């Protein structure tokens, strides 16, 4: 199964950072994505969607340092829905994107802040946790792919023509 989200959009507000009781940083912010089309009369139409983003630990700190309202950003992560009971006892739900990679697309501003030059390209930050929240289990990096085939996923079984069902 797959739970992966990739978005490019602009921040609607500055990241808000909080800390859990155990000291883990968590940043919350929203980004807007827009799509455009022409209606039957040829008029340009626009639909904007707002997405709530959550980033943890080092990624949260970096989001707070480098992102601000209006920044263009690429977010990669997963959808996660959490629930809680409000003070009146009603069950509430919120679906968010838990970021595991953030690419700051406003390269000039982002790289100047980090000490690089404007030609360095956008800054990329990834979350080193394998889940959407804090954990002591660090992700082990995958071994480098020595093949030029980007689709090689480690299936090195020999091809036998009899394996084809038709």
N, C-alpha and C. Protein backbone atom coordinates (compact mmCIF):
# COMPACT_ATOMS: atom_id res chain seq x y z
N UNK A 1 0.84 -1.18 0.00
CA UNK A 1 0.00 0.00 0.00
C UNK A 1 0.88 1.23 0.00
N UNK A 2 0.30 2.31 -0.44
CA UNK A 2 1.06 3.54 -0.59
C UNK A 2 0.30 4.71 0.01
N UNK A 3 0.98 5.48 0.81
CA UNK A 3 0.43 6.71 1.38
C UNK A 3 1.50 7.78 1.18
N UNK A 4 1.44 8.47 0.06
CA UNK A 4 2.46 9.46 -0.28
C UNK A 4 1.79 10.69 -0.89
N UNK A 5 2.21 11.85 -0.42
CA UNK A 5 1.68 13.12 -0.89
C UNK A 5 2.86 13.97 -1.35
N UNK A 6 2.71 14.61 -2.51
CA UNK A 6 3.70 15.56 -3.01
C UNK A 6 2.96 16.82 -3.43
N UNK A 7 3.35 17.95 -2.88
CA UNK A 7 2.68 19.22 -3.15
C UNK A 7 3.70 20.32 -3.39
N UNK A 8 3.35 21.24 -4.26
CA UNK A 8 4.10 22.48 -4.42
C UNK A 8 3.09 23.61 -4.22
N UNK A 9 3.40 24.50 -3.31
CA UNK A 9 2.50 25.60 -3.05
C UNK A 9 3.16 26.70 -2.25
N UNK A 10 2.36 27.66 -1.84
CA UNK A 10 2.86 28.79 -1.05
C UNK A 10 2.28 28.73 0.36
N UNK A 11 3.12 29.10 1.32
CA UNK A 11 2.68 29.12 2.71
C UNK A 11 1.63 30.19 2.92
N UNK A 12 0.58 29.82 3.64
CA UNK A 12 -0.48 30.76 3.96
C UNK A 12 -0.25 31.48 5.27
N UNK A 13 0.68 30.97 6.07
CA UNK A 13 1.01 31.60 7.35
C UNK A 13 2.40 31.12 7.76
N UNK A 14 3.03 31.87 8.63
CA UNK A 14 4.33 31.46 9.15
C UNK A 14 4.17 30.16 9.93
N UNK A 15 5.19 29.29 9.91
CA UNK A 15 5.11 28.07 10.70
C UNK A 15 4.98 28.39 12.19
N UNK A 16 4.14 27.62 12.85
CA UNK A 16 3.96 27.75 14.30
C UNK A 16 4.65 26.54 14.92
N UNK A 17 5.58 26.78 15.82
CA UNK A 17 6.32 25.66 16.42
C UNK A 17 5.90 25.47 17.87
N UNK A 18 5.75 24.21 18.24
CA UNK A 18 5.42 23.83 19.61
C UNK A 18 6.38 22.71 20.01
N UNK A 19 6.37 22.36 21.28
CA UNK A 19 7.22 21.28 21.75
C UNK A 19 6.37 20.31 22.56
N UNK A 20 6.60 19.03 22.33
CA UNK A 20 5.88 18.01 23.09
C UNK A 20 6.45 17.97 24.50
N UNK A 21 5.79 17.24 25.39
CA UNK A 21 6.28 17.11 26.76
C UNK A 21 7.66 16.49 26.81
N UNK A 22 7.99 15.67 25.81
CA UNK A 22 9.31 15.04 25.77
C UNK A 22 10.35 15.91 25.07
N UNK A 23 9.96 17.11 24.64
CA UNK A 23 10.91 18.04 24.05
C UNK A 23 11.04 18.00 22.55
N UNK A 24 10.21 17.21 21.86
CA UNK A 24 10.27 17.14 20.41
C UNK A 24 9.58 18.35 19.80
N UNK A 25 10.24 18.96 18.80
CA UNK A 25 9.67 20.11 18.10
C UNK A 25 8.66 19.63 17.08
N UNK A 26 7.55 20.36 16.96
CA UNK A 26 6.55 20.08 15.92
C UNK A 26 6.10 21.43 15.35
N UNK A 27 6.22 21.55 14.03
CA UNK A 27 5.82 22.78 13.35
C UNK A 27 4.54 22.52 12.58
N UNK A 28 3.64 23.48 12.60
CA UNK A 28 2.39 23.41 11.84
C UNK A 28 2.32 24.63 10.94
N UNK A 29 1.91 24.40 9.70
CA UNK A 29 1.70 25.50 8.76
C UNK A 29 0.78 25.00 7.67
N UNK A 30 0.31 25.91 6.85
CA UNK A 30 -0.58 25.52 5.75
C UNK A 30 0.01 26.03 4.45
N UNK A 31 -0.25 25.28 3.38
CA UNK A 31 0.15 25.75 2.06
C UNK A 31 -1.07 25.71 1.14
N UNK A 32 -1.03 26.59 0.17
CA UNK A 32 -2.11 26.67 -0.83
C UNK A 32 -1.59 26.14 -2.15
N UNK A 33 -2.40 25.31 -2.79
CA UNK A 33 -2.13 24.88 -4.16
C UNK A 33 -3.31 25.34 -5.00
N UNK A 34 -3.02 25.69 -6.24
CA UNK A 34 -4.08 26.18 -7.12
C UNK A 34 -4.05 25.43 -8.44
N UNK A 35 -5.24 25.27 -9.01
CA UNK A 35 -5.34 24.74 -10.37
C UNK A 35 -6.17 25.73 -11.18
N UNK A 36 -5.86 25.79 -12.46
CA UNK A 36 -6.50 26.75 -13.36
C UNK A 36 -7.09 26.02 -14.55
N UNK A 37 -8.20 26.55 -15.07
CA UNK A 37 -8.82 26.00 -16.27
C UNK A 37 -9.70 27.07 -16.89
N UNK A 38 -10.15 26.80 -18.09
CA UNK A 38 -11.07 27.71 -18.78
C UNK A 38 -12.46 27.08 -18.77
N UNK A 39 -13.46 27.86 -18.42
CA UNK A 39 -14.83 27.35 -18.44
C UNK A 39 -15.37 27.38 -19.87
N UNK A 40 -16.63 27.01 -20.03
CA UNK A 40 -17.25 26.92 -21.37
C UNK A 40 -17.28 28.26 -22.09
N UNK A 41 -17.28 29.35 -21.32
CA UNK A 41 -17.28 30.68 -21.93
C UNK A 41 -15.86 31.19 -22.18
N UNK A 42 -14.86 30.38 -21.89
CA UNK A 42 -13.47 30.78 -22.11
C UNK A 42 -12.88 31.61 -20.99
N UNK A 43 -13.62 31.76 -19.90
CA UNK A 43 -13.13 32.54 -18.77
C UNK A 43 -12.19 31.68 -17.92
N UNK A 44 -11.09 32.27 -17.51
CA UNK A 44 -10.14 31.56 -16.67
C UNK A 44 -10.72 31.38 -15.27
N UNK A 45 -10.66 30.16 -14.77
CA UNK A 45 -11.15 29.83 -13.44
C UNK A 45 -9.97 29.34 -12.60
N UNK A 46 -10.10 29.52 -11.31
CA UNK A 46 -9.06 29.08 -10.39
C UNK A 46 -9.71 28.43 -9.17
N UNK A 47 -9.13 27.34 -8.73
CA UNK A 47 -9.57 26.70 -7.49
C UNK A 47 -8.34 26.52 -6.61
N UNK A 48 -8.43 27.02 -5.40
CA UNK A 48 -7.32 26.92 -4.45
C UNK A 48 -7.70 25.95 -3.35
N UNK A 49 -6.79 25.05 -3.04
CA UNK A 49 -6.95 24.10 -1.94
C UNK A 49 -5.93 24.45 -0.86
N UNK A 50 -6.35 24.36 0.39
CA UNK A 50 -5.46 24.59 1.52
C UNK A 50 -5.12 23.26 2.16
N UNK A 51 -3.85 23.05 2.47
CA UNK A 51 -3.37 21.80 3.05
C UNK A 51 -2.65 22.10 4.36
N UNK A 52 -3.03 21.39 5.41
CA UNK A 52 -2.37 21.54 6.71
C UNK A 52 -1.17 20.61 6.75
N UNK A 53 0.00 21.16 7.11
CA UNK A 53 1.25 20.43 7.13
C UNK A 53 1.78 20.38 8.56
N UNK A 54 2.36 19.23 8.92
CA UNK A 54 3.00 19.06 10.22
C UNK A 54 4.41 18.53 9.95
N UNK A 55 5.40 19.12 10.60
CA UNK A 55 6.79 18.68 10.48
C UNK A 55 7.35 18.47 11.88
N UNK A 56 8.16 17.45 12.05
CA UNK A 56 8.68 17.09 13.36
C UNK A 56 10.18 17.36 13.49
N UNK A 57 10.61 17.60 14.70
CA UNK A 57 12.01 17.65 15.13
C UNK A 57 12.86 18.58 14.27
N UNK A 58 13.96 18.10 13.72
CA UNK A 58 14.88 18.94 12.96
C UNK A 58 14.18 19.62 11.79
N UNK A 59 13.30 18.89 11.14
CA UNK A 59 12.55 19.45 10.02
C UNK A 59 11.65 20.60 10.49
N UNK A 60 11.10 20.48 11.68
CA UNK A 60 10.27 21.55 12.25
C UNK A 60 11.12 22.79 12.52
N UNK A 61 12.29 22.60 13.10
CA UNK A 61 13.18 23.73 13.38
C UNK A 61 13.59 24.43 12.09
N UNK A 62 13.90 23.66 11.05
CA UNK A 62 14.31 24.24 9.78
C UNK A 62 13.15 24.98 9.11
N UNK A 63 11.95 24.42 9.21
CA UNK A 63 10.78 25.10 8.64
C UNK A 63 10.58 26.44 9.31
N UNK A 64 10.72 26.47 10.63
CA UNK A 64 10.56 27.74 11.35
C UNK A 64 11.64 28.74 10.95
N UNK A 65 12.85 28.27 10.73
CA UNK A 65 13.96 29.16 10.40
C UNK A 65 13.89 29.70 8.98
N UNK A 66 13.44 28.90 8.02
CA UNK A 66 13.57 29.26 6.62
C UNK A 66 12.26 29.58 5.90
N UNK A 67 11.13 29.19 6.46
CA UNK A 67 9.86 29.43 5.78
C UNK A 67 9.13 30.60 6.40
N UNK A 68 8.40 31.31 5.56
CA UNK A 68 7.54 32.39 6.04
C UNK A 68 6.34 32.47 5.12
N UNK A 69 5.34 33.18 5.54
CA UNK A 69 4.13 33.35 4.74
C UNK A 69 4.52 33.80 3.33
N UNK A 70 3.97 33.11 2.32
CA UNK A 70 4.26 33.44 0.93
C UNK A 70 5.38 32.63 0.31
N UNK A 71 6.18 31.93 1.11
CA UNK A 71 7.28 31.12 0.57
C UNK A 71 6.76 30.01 -0.31
N UNK A 72 7.45 29.76 -1.43
CA UNK A 72 7.13 28.64 -2.31
C UNK A 72 7.88 27.42 -1.77
N UNK A 73 7.17 26.29 -1.65
CA UNK A 73 7.75 25.12 -1.02
C UNK A 73 7.24 23.84 -1.67
N UNK A 74 8.10 22.84 -1.72
CA UNK A 74 7.72 21.48 -2.13
C UNK A 74 7.67 20.65 -0.87
N UNK A 75 6.57 19.95 -0.66
CA UNK A 75 6.38 19.11 0.51
C UNK A 75 6.17 17.68 0.04
N UNK A 76 6.87 16.76 0.67
CA UNK A 76 6.63 15.34 0.44
C UNK A 76 6.36 14.72 1.80
N UNK A 77 5.33 13.89 1.87
CA UNK A 77 4.98 13.28 3.14
C UNK A 77 3.85 12.29 2.98
N UNK A 78 3.09 12.12 4.06
CA UNK A 78 1.98 11.17 4.05
C UNK A 78 0.76 11.80 4.70
N UNK A 79 -0.42 11.31 4.31
CA UNK A 79 -1.67 11.76 4.93
C UNK A 79 -1.85 11.04 6.26
N UNK A 80 -2.30 11.79 7.24
CA UNK A 80 -2.57 11.21 8.55
C UNK A 80 -3.77 11.92 9.15
N UNK A 81 -4.71 11.16 9.68
CA UNK A 81 -5.88 11.72 10.34
C UNK A 81 -5.78 11.44 11.82
N UNK A 82 -5.96 12.46 12.61
CA UNK A 82 -5.97 12.29 14.06
C UNK A 82 -7.34 12.68 14.59
N UNK A 83 -7.67 12.17 15.75
CA UNK A 83 -8.97 12.48 16.33
C UNK A 83 -8.80 12.80 17.81
N UNK A 84 -9.75 13.56 18.34
CA UNK A 84 -9.77 13.93 19.74
C UNK A 84 -11.19 14.30 20.11
N UNK A 85 -11.44 14.37 21.40
CA UNK A 85 -12.74 14.81 21.90
C UNK A 85 -12.63 16.26 22.34
N UNK A 86 -13.55 17.10 21.85
CA UNK A 86 -13.53 18.51 22.25
C UNK A 86 -14.11 18.63 23.66
N UNK A 87 -14.08 19.83 24.26
CA UNK A 87 -14.57 20.00 25.63
C UNK A 87 -16.04 19.60 25.82
N UNK A 88 -16.84 19.63 24.73
CA UNK A 88 -18.24 19.23 24.82
C UNK A 88 -18.42 17.73 24.61
N UNK A 89 -17.32 17.00 24.44
CA UNK A 89 -17.41 15.56 24.25
C UNK A 89 -17.62 15.12 22.81
N UNK A 90 -17.60 16.05 21.87
CA UNK A 90 -17.78 15.72 20.46
C UNK A 90 -16.46 15.23 19.87
N UNK A 91 -16.54 14.18 19.06
CA UNK A 91 -15.36 13.64 18.39
C UNK A 91 -14.99 14.57 17.23
N UNK A 92 -13.75 15.01 17.19
CA UNK A 92 -13.24 15.88 16.13
C UNK A 92 -12.15 15.15 15.37
N UNK A 93 -12.05 15.45 14.08
CA UNK A 93 -11.05 14.83 13.22
C UNK A 93 -10.29 15.90 12.46
N UNK A 94 -9.04 15.62 12.18
CA UNK A 94 -8.23 16.54 11.37
C UNK A 94 -7.28 15.70 10.52
N UNK A 95 -7.33 15.93 9.21
CA UNK A 95 -6.43 15.25 8.29
C UNK A 95 -5.31 16.21 7.93
N UNK A 96 -4.08 15.75 8.09
CA UNK A 96 -2.90 16.58 7.86
C UNK A 96 -1.91 15.83 7.00
N UNK A 97 -0.96 16.56 6.47
CA UNK A 97 0.15 15.95 5.76
C UNK A 97 1.34 16.02 6.70
N UNK A 98 1.87 14.85 7.05
CA UNK A 98 3.06 14.78 7.88
C UNK A 98 4.26 14.79 6.94
N UNK A 99 5.02 15.87 6.97
CA UNK A 99 6.13 16.05 6.04
C UNK A 99 7.31 15.19 6.43
N UNK A 100 7.92 14.56 5.43
CA UNK A 100 9.20 13.90 5.66
C UNK A 100 10.29 14.50 4.77
N UNK A 101 9.89 15.41 3.88
CA UNK A 101 10.86 16.16 3.09
C UNK A 101 10.27 17.53 2.76
N UNK A 102 11.10 18.54 2.88
CA UNK A 102 10.71 19.90 2.54
C UNK A 102 11.79 20.48 1.65
N UNK A 103 11.38 21.02 0.52
CA UNK A 103 12.32 21.68 -0.40
C UNK A 103 11.87 23.13 -0.51
N UNK A 104 12.75 24.03 -0.11
CA UNK A 104 12.44 25.45 -0.15
C UNK A 104 12.72 25.94 -1.56
N UNK A 105 11.68 26.30 -2.28
CA UNK A 105 11.82 26.65 -3.69
C UNK A 105 12.17 28.11 -3.92
N UNK A 106 12.05 28.94 -2.92
CA UNK A 106 12.51 30.33 -3.03
C UNK A 106 14.02 30.29 -2.80
N UNK A 107 14.76 29.81 -3.80
CA UNK A 107 16.16 29.47 -3.62
C UNK A 107 17.03 30.65 -3.21
N UNK A 108 16.82 31.80 -3.78
CA UNK A 108 17.68 32.94 -3.45
C UNK A 108 17.59 33.26 -1.97
N UNK A 109 16.40 33.41 -1.46
CA UNK A 109 16.24 33.76 -0.05
C UNK A 109 16.69 32.62 0.85
N UNK A 110 16.30 31.39 0.51
CA UNK A 110 16.64 30.25 1.35
C UNK A 110 18.13 30.01 1.44
N UNK A 111 18.85 30.11 0.32
CA UNK A 111 20.28 29.83 0.35
C UNK A 111 21.07 30.99 0.93
N UNK A 112 20.59 32.22 0.76
CA UNK A 112 21.30 33.33 1.38
C UNK A 112 21.24 33.21 2.89
N UNK A 113 20.10 32.80 3.41
CA UNK A 113 19.96 32.63 4.86
C UNK A 113 20.87 31.52 5.37
N UNK A 114 21.09 30.49 4.55
CA UNK A 114 21.89 29.36 5.02
C UNK A 114 23.36 29.53 4.67
N UNK A 115 23.75 30.67 4.10
CA UNK A 115 25.14 30.93 3.84
C UNK A 115 25.60 30.53 2.46
N UNK A 116 24.73 30.04 1.60
CA UNK A 116 25.12 29.63 0.26
C UNK A 116 24.92 30.77 -0.70
N UNK A 117 25.19 30.50 -1.97
CA UNK A 117 24.95 31.52 -2.99
C UNK A 117 23.62 31.25 -3.66
N UNK A 118 23.13 32.23 -4.39
CA UNK A 118 21.84 32.08 -5.05
C UNK A 118 21.88 31.00 -6.12
N UNK A 119 23.05 30.65 -6.59
CA UNK A 119 23.16 29.62 -7.63
C UNK A 119 23.21 28.22 -7.07
N UNK A 120 23.21 28.08 -5.76
CA UNK A 120 23.26 26.75 -5.15
C UNK A 120 21.98 25.97 -5.35
N UNK A 121 20.88 26.63 -5.70
CA UNK A 121 19.61 25.94 -5.87
C UNK A 121 18.85 25.89 -4.57
N UNK A 122 17.67 25.30 -4.61
CA UNK A 122 16.84 25.27 -3.42
C UNK A 122 17.41 24.36 -2.34
N UNK A 123 17.15 24.71 -1.11
CA UNK A 123 17.59 23.89 0.01
C UNK A 123 16.62 22.73 0.19
N UNK A 124 17.16 21.57 0.52
CA UNK A 124 16.34 20.37 0.72
C UNK A 124 16.58 19.86 2.12
N UNK A 125 15.52 19.58 2.82
CA UNK A 125 15.63 19.00 4.15
C UNK A 125 14.70 17.82 4.23
N UNK A 126 15.18 16.74 4.81
CA UNK A 126 14.37 15.55 4.98
C UNK A 126 14.30 15.17 6.43
N UNK A 127 13.21 14.57 6.81
CA UNK A 127 13.04 14.10 8.17
C UNK A 127 13.72 12.76 8.29
N UNK A 128 14.51 12.57 9.32
CA UNK A 128 15.24 11.33 9.45
C UNK A 128 14.46 10.26 10.19
N UNK A 129 13.21 10.49 10.43
CA UNK A 129 12.38 9.52 11.12
C UNK A 129 11.57 8.73 10.12
N UNK A 130 11.36 7.45 10.42
CA UNK A 130 10.63 6.60 9.48
C UNK A 130 9.13 6.72 9.65
N UNK A 131 8.68 7.30 10.73
CA UNK A 131 7.24 7.49 10.91
C UNK A 131 6.95 8.97 10.95
N UNK A 132 5.66 9.30 11.07
CA UNK A 132 5.27 10.70 11.06
C UNK A 132 5.56 11.42 12.35
N UNK A 133 5.94 10.73 13.38
CA UNK A 133 6.18 11.38 14.64
C UNK A 133 7.56 11.06 15.16
N UNK A 134 7.88 11.54 16.33
CA UNK A 134 9.20 11.30 16.88
C UNK A 134 9.39 9.84 17.24
N UNK A 135 10.61 9.41 17.17
CA UNK A 135 10.93 8.02 17.45
C UNK A 135 12.42 7.90 17.63
N UNK A 136 12.86 6.90 18.36
CA UNK A 136 14.29 6.68 18.50
C UNK A 136 14.81 5.72 17.45
N UNK A 137 13.94 5.16 16.64
CA UNK A 137 14.36 4.25 15.58
C UNK A 137 14.69 5.05 14.34
N UNK A 138 15.96 5.24 14.08
CA UNK A 138 16.39 6.00 12.91
C UNK A 138 16.29 5.13 11.67
N UNK A 139 15.96 5.76 10.57
CA UNK A 139 15.86 5.06 9.29
C UNK A 139 17.27 4.72 8.83
N UNK A 140 17.48 3.48 8.42
CA UNK A 140 18.74 3.08 7.83
C UNK A 140 18.72 3.43 6.36
N UNK A 141 19.76 4.11 5.86
CA UNK A 141 19.74 4.47 4.45
C UNK A 141 19.83 3.25 3.57
N UNK A 142 19.14 3.32 2.44
CA UNK A 142 19.18 2.22 1.48
C UNK A 142 20.54 2.22 0.81
N UNK A 143 21.05 1.03 0.45
CA UNK A 143 22.32 0.99 -0.26
C UNK A 143 22.18 1.68 -1.61
N UNK A 144 23.26 2.27 -2.11
CA UNK A 144 23.16 2.96 -3.39
C UNK A 144 22.79 2.01 -4.50
N UNK A 145 21.99 2.51 -5.43
CA UNK A 145 21.57 1.73 -6.59
C UNK A 145 22.69 1.80 -7.62
N UNK A 146 23.32 0.67 -7.90
CA UNK A 146 24.45 0.66 -8.82
C UNK A 146 23.99 0.54 -10.26
N UNK A 147 22.73 0.28 -10.47
CA UNK A 147 22.20 0.15 -11.82
C UNK A 147 21.74 1.50 -12.33
N UNK A 148 21.76 1.68 -13.64
CA UNK A 148 21.24 2.91 -14.23
C UNK A 148 19.73 2.86 -14.37
N UNK A 149 19.11 1.73 -14.07
CA UNK A 149 17.67 1.57 -14.21
C UNK A 149 17.00 2.07 -12.94
N UNK A 150 16.29 3.21 -13.03
CA UNK A 150 15.65 3.76 -11.84
C UNK A 150 14.51 2.89 -11.33
N UNK A 151 14.06 1.94 -12.13
CA UNK A 151 12.97 1.08 -11.72
C UNK A 151 13.46 -0.21 -11.08
N UNK A 152 14.75 -0.42 -11.01
CA UNK A 152 15.31 -1.62 -10.40
C UNK A 152 15.06 -1.55 -8.91
N UNK A 153 14.21 -2.40 -8.42
CA UNK A 153 13.87 -2.41 -7.00
C UNK A 153 14.45 -3.62 -6.29
N UNK A 154 15.52 -4.18 -6.82
CA UNK A 154 16.17 -5.28 -6.13
C UNK A 154 15.66 -6.64 -6.54
N UNK A 155 14.79 -6.74 -7.51
CA UNK A 155 14.32 -8.03 -7.98
C UNK A 155 15.31 -8.53 -9.01
N UNK A 156 16.26 -9.35 -8.56
CA UNK A 156 17.31 -9.83 -9.43
C UNK A 156 17.03 -11.23 -9.95
N UNK A 157 15.77 -11.66 -9.88
CA UNK A 157 15.43 -12.99 -10.39
C UNK A 157 15.64 -13.03 -11.89
N UNK A 158 16.20 -14.12 -12.39
CA UNK A 158 16.42 -14.21 -13.84
C UNK A 158 15.09 -14.29 -14.58
N UNK A 159 15.06 -13.70 -15.76
CA UNK A 159 13.87 -13.73 -16.59
C UNK A 159 13.82 -15.08 -17.31
N UNK A 160 12.71 -15.75 -17.16
CA UNK A 160 12.49 -17.01 -17.86
C UNK A 160 11.21 -16.85 -18.65
N UNK A 161 11.27 -17.13 -19.95
CA UNK A 161 10.12 -16.89 -20.82
C UNK A 161 8.89 -17.65 -20.36
N UNK A 162 9.06 -18.81 -19.74
CA UNK A 162 7.92 -19.59 -19.27
C UNK A 162 7.18 -18.92 -18.13
N UNK A 163 7.79 -17.91 -17.50
CA UNK A 163 7.13 -17.22 -16.40
C UNK A 163 6.01 -16.30 -16.88
N UNK A 164 5.98 -15.95 -18.16
CA UNK A 164 4.97 -15.06 -18.70
C UNK A 164 3.67 -15.85 -18.88
N UNK A 165 2.55 -15.43 -18.30
CA UNK A 165 1.32 -16.23 -18.29
C UNK A 165 0.56 -16.24 -19.60
N UNK A 166 0.98 -15.57 -20.65
CA UNK A 166 0.21 -15.56 -21.89
C UNK A 166 1.05 -15.98 -23.07
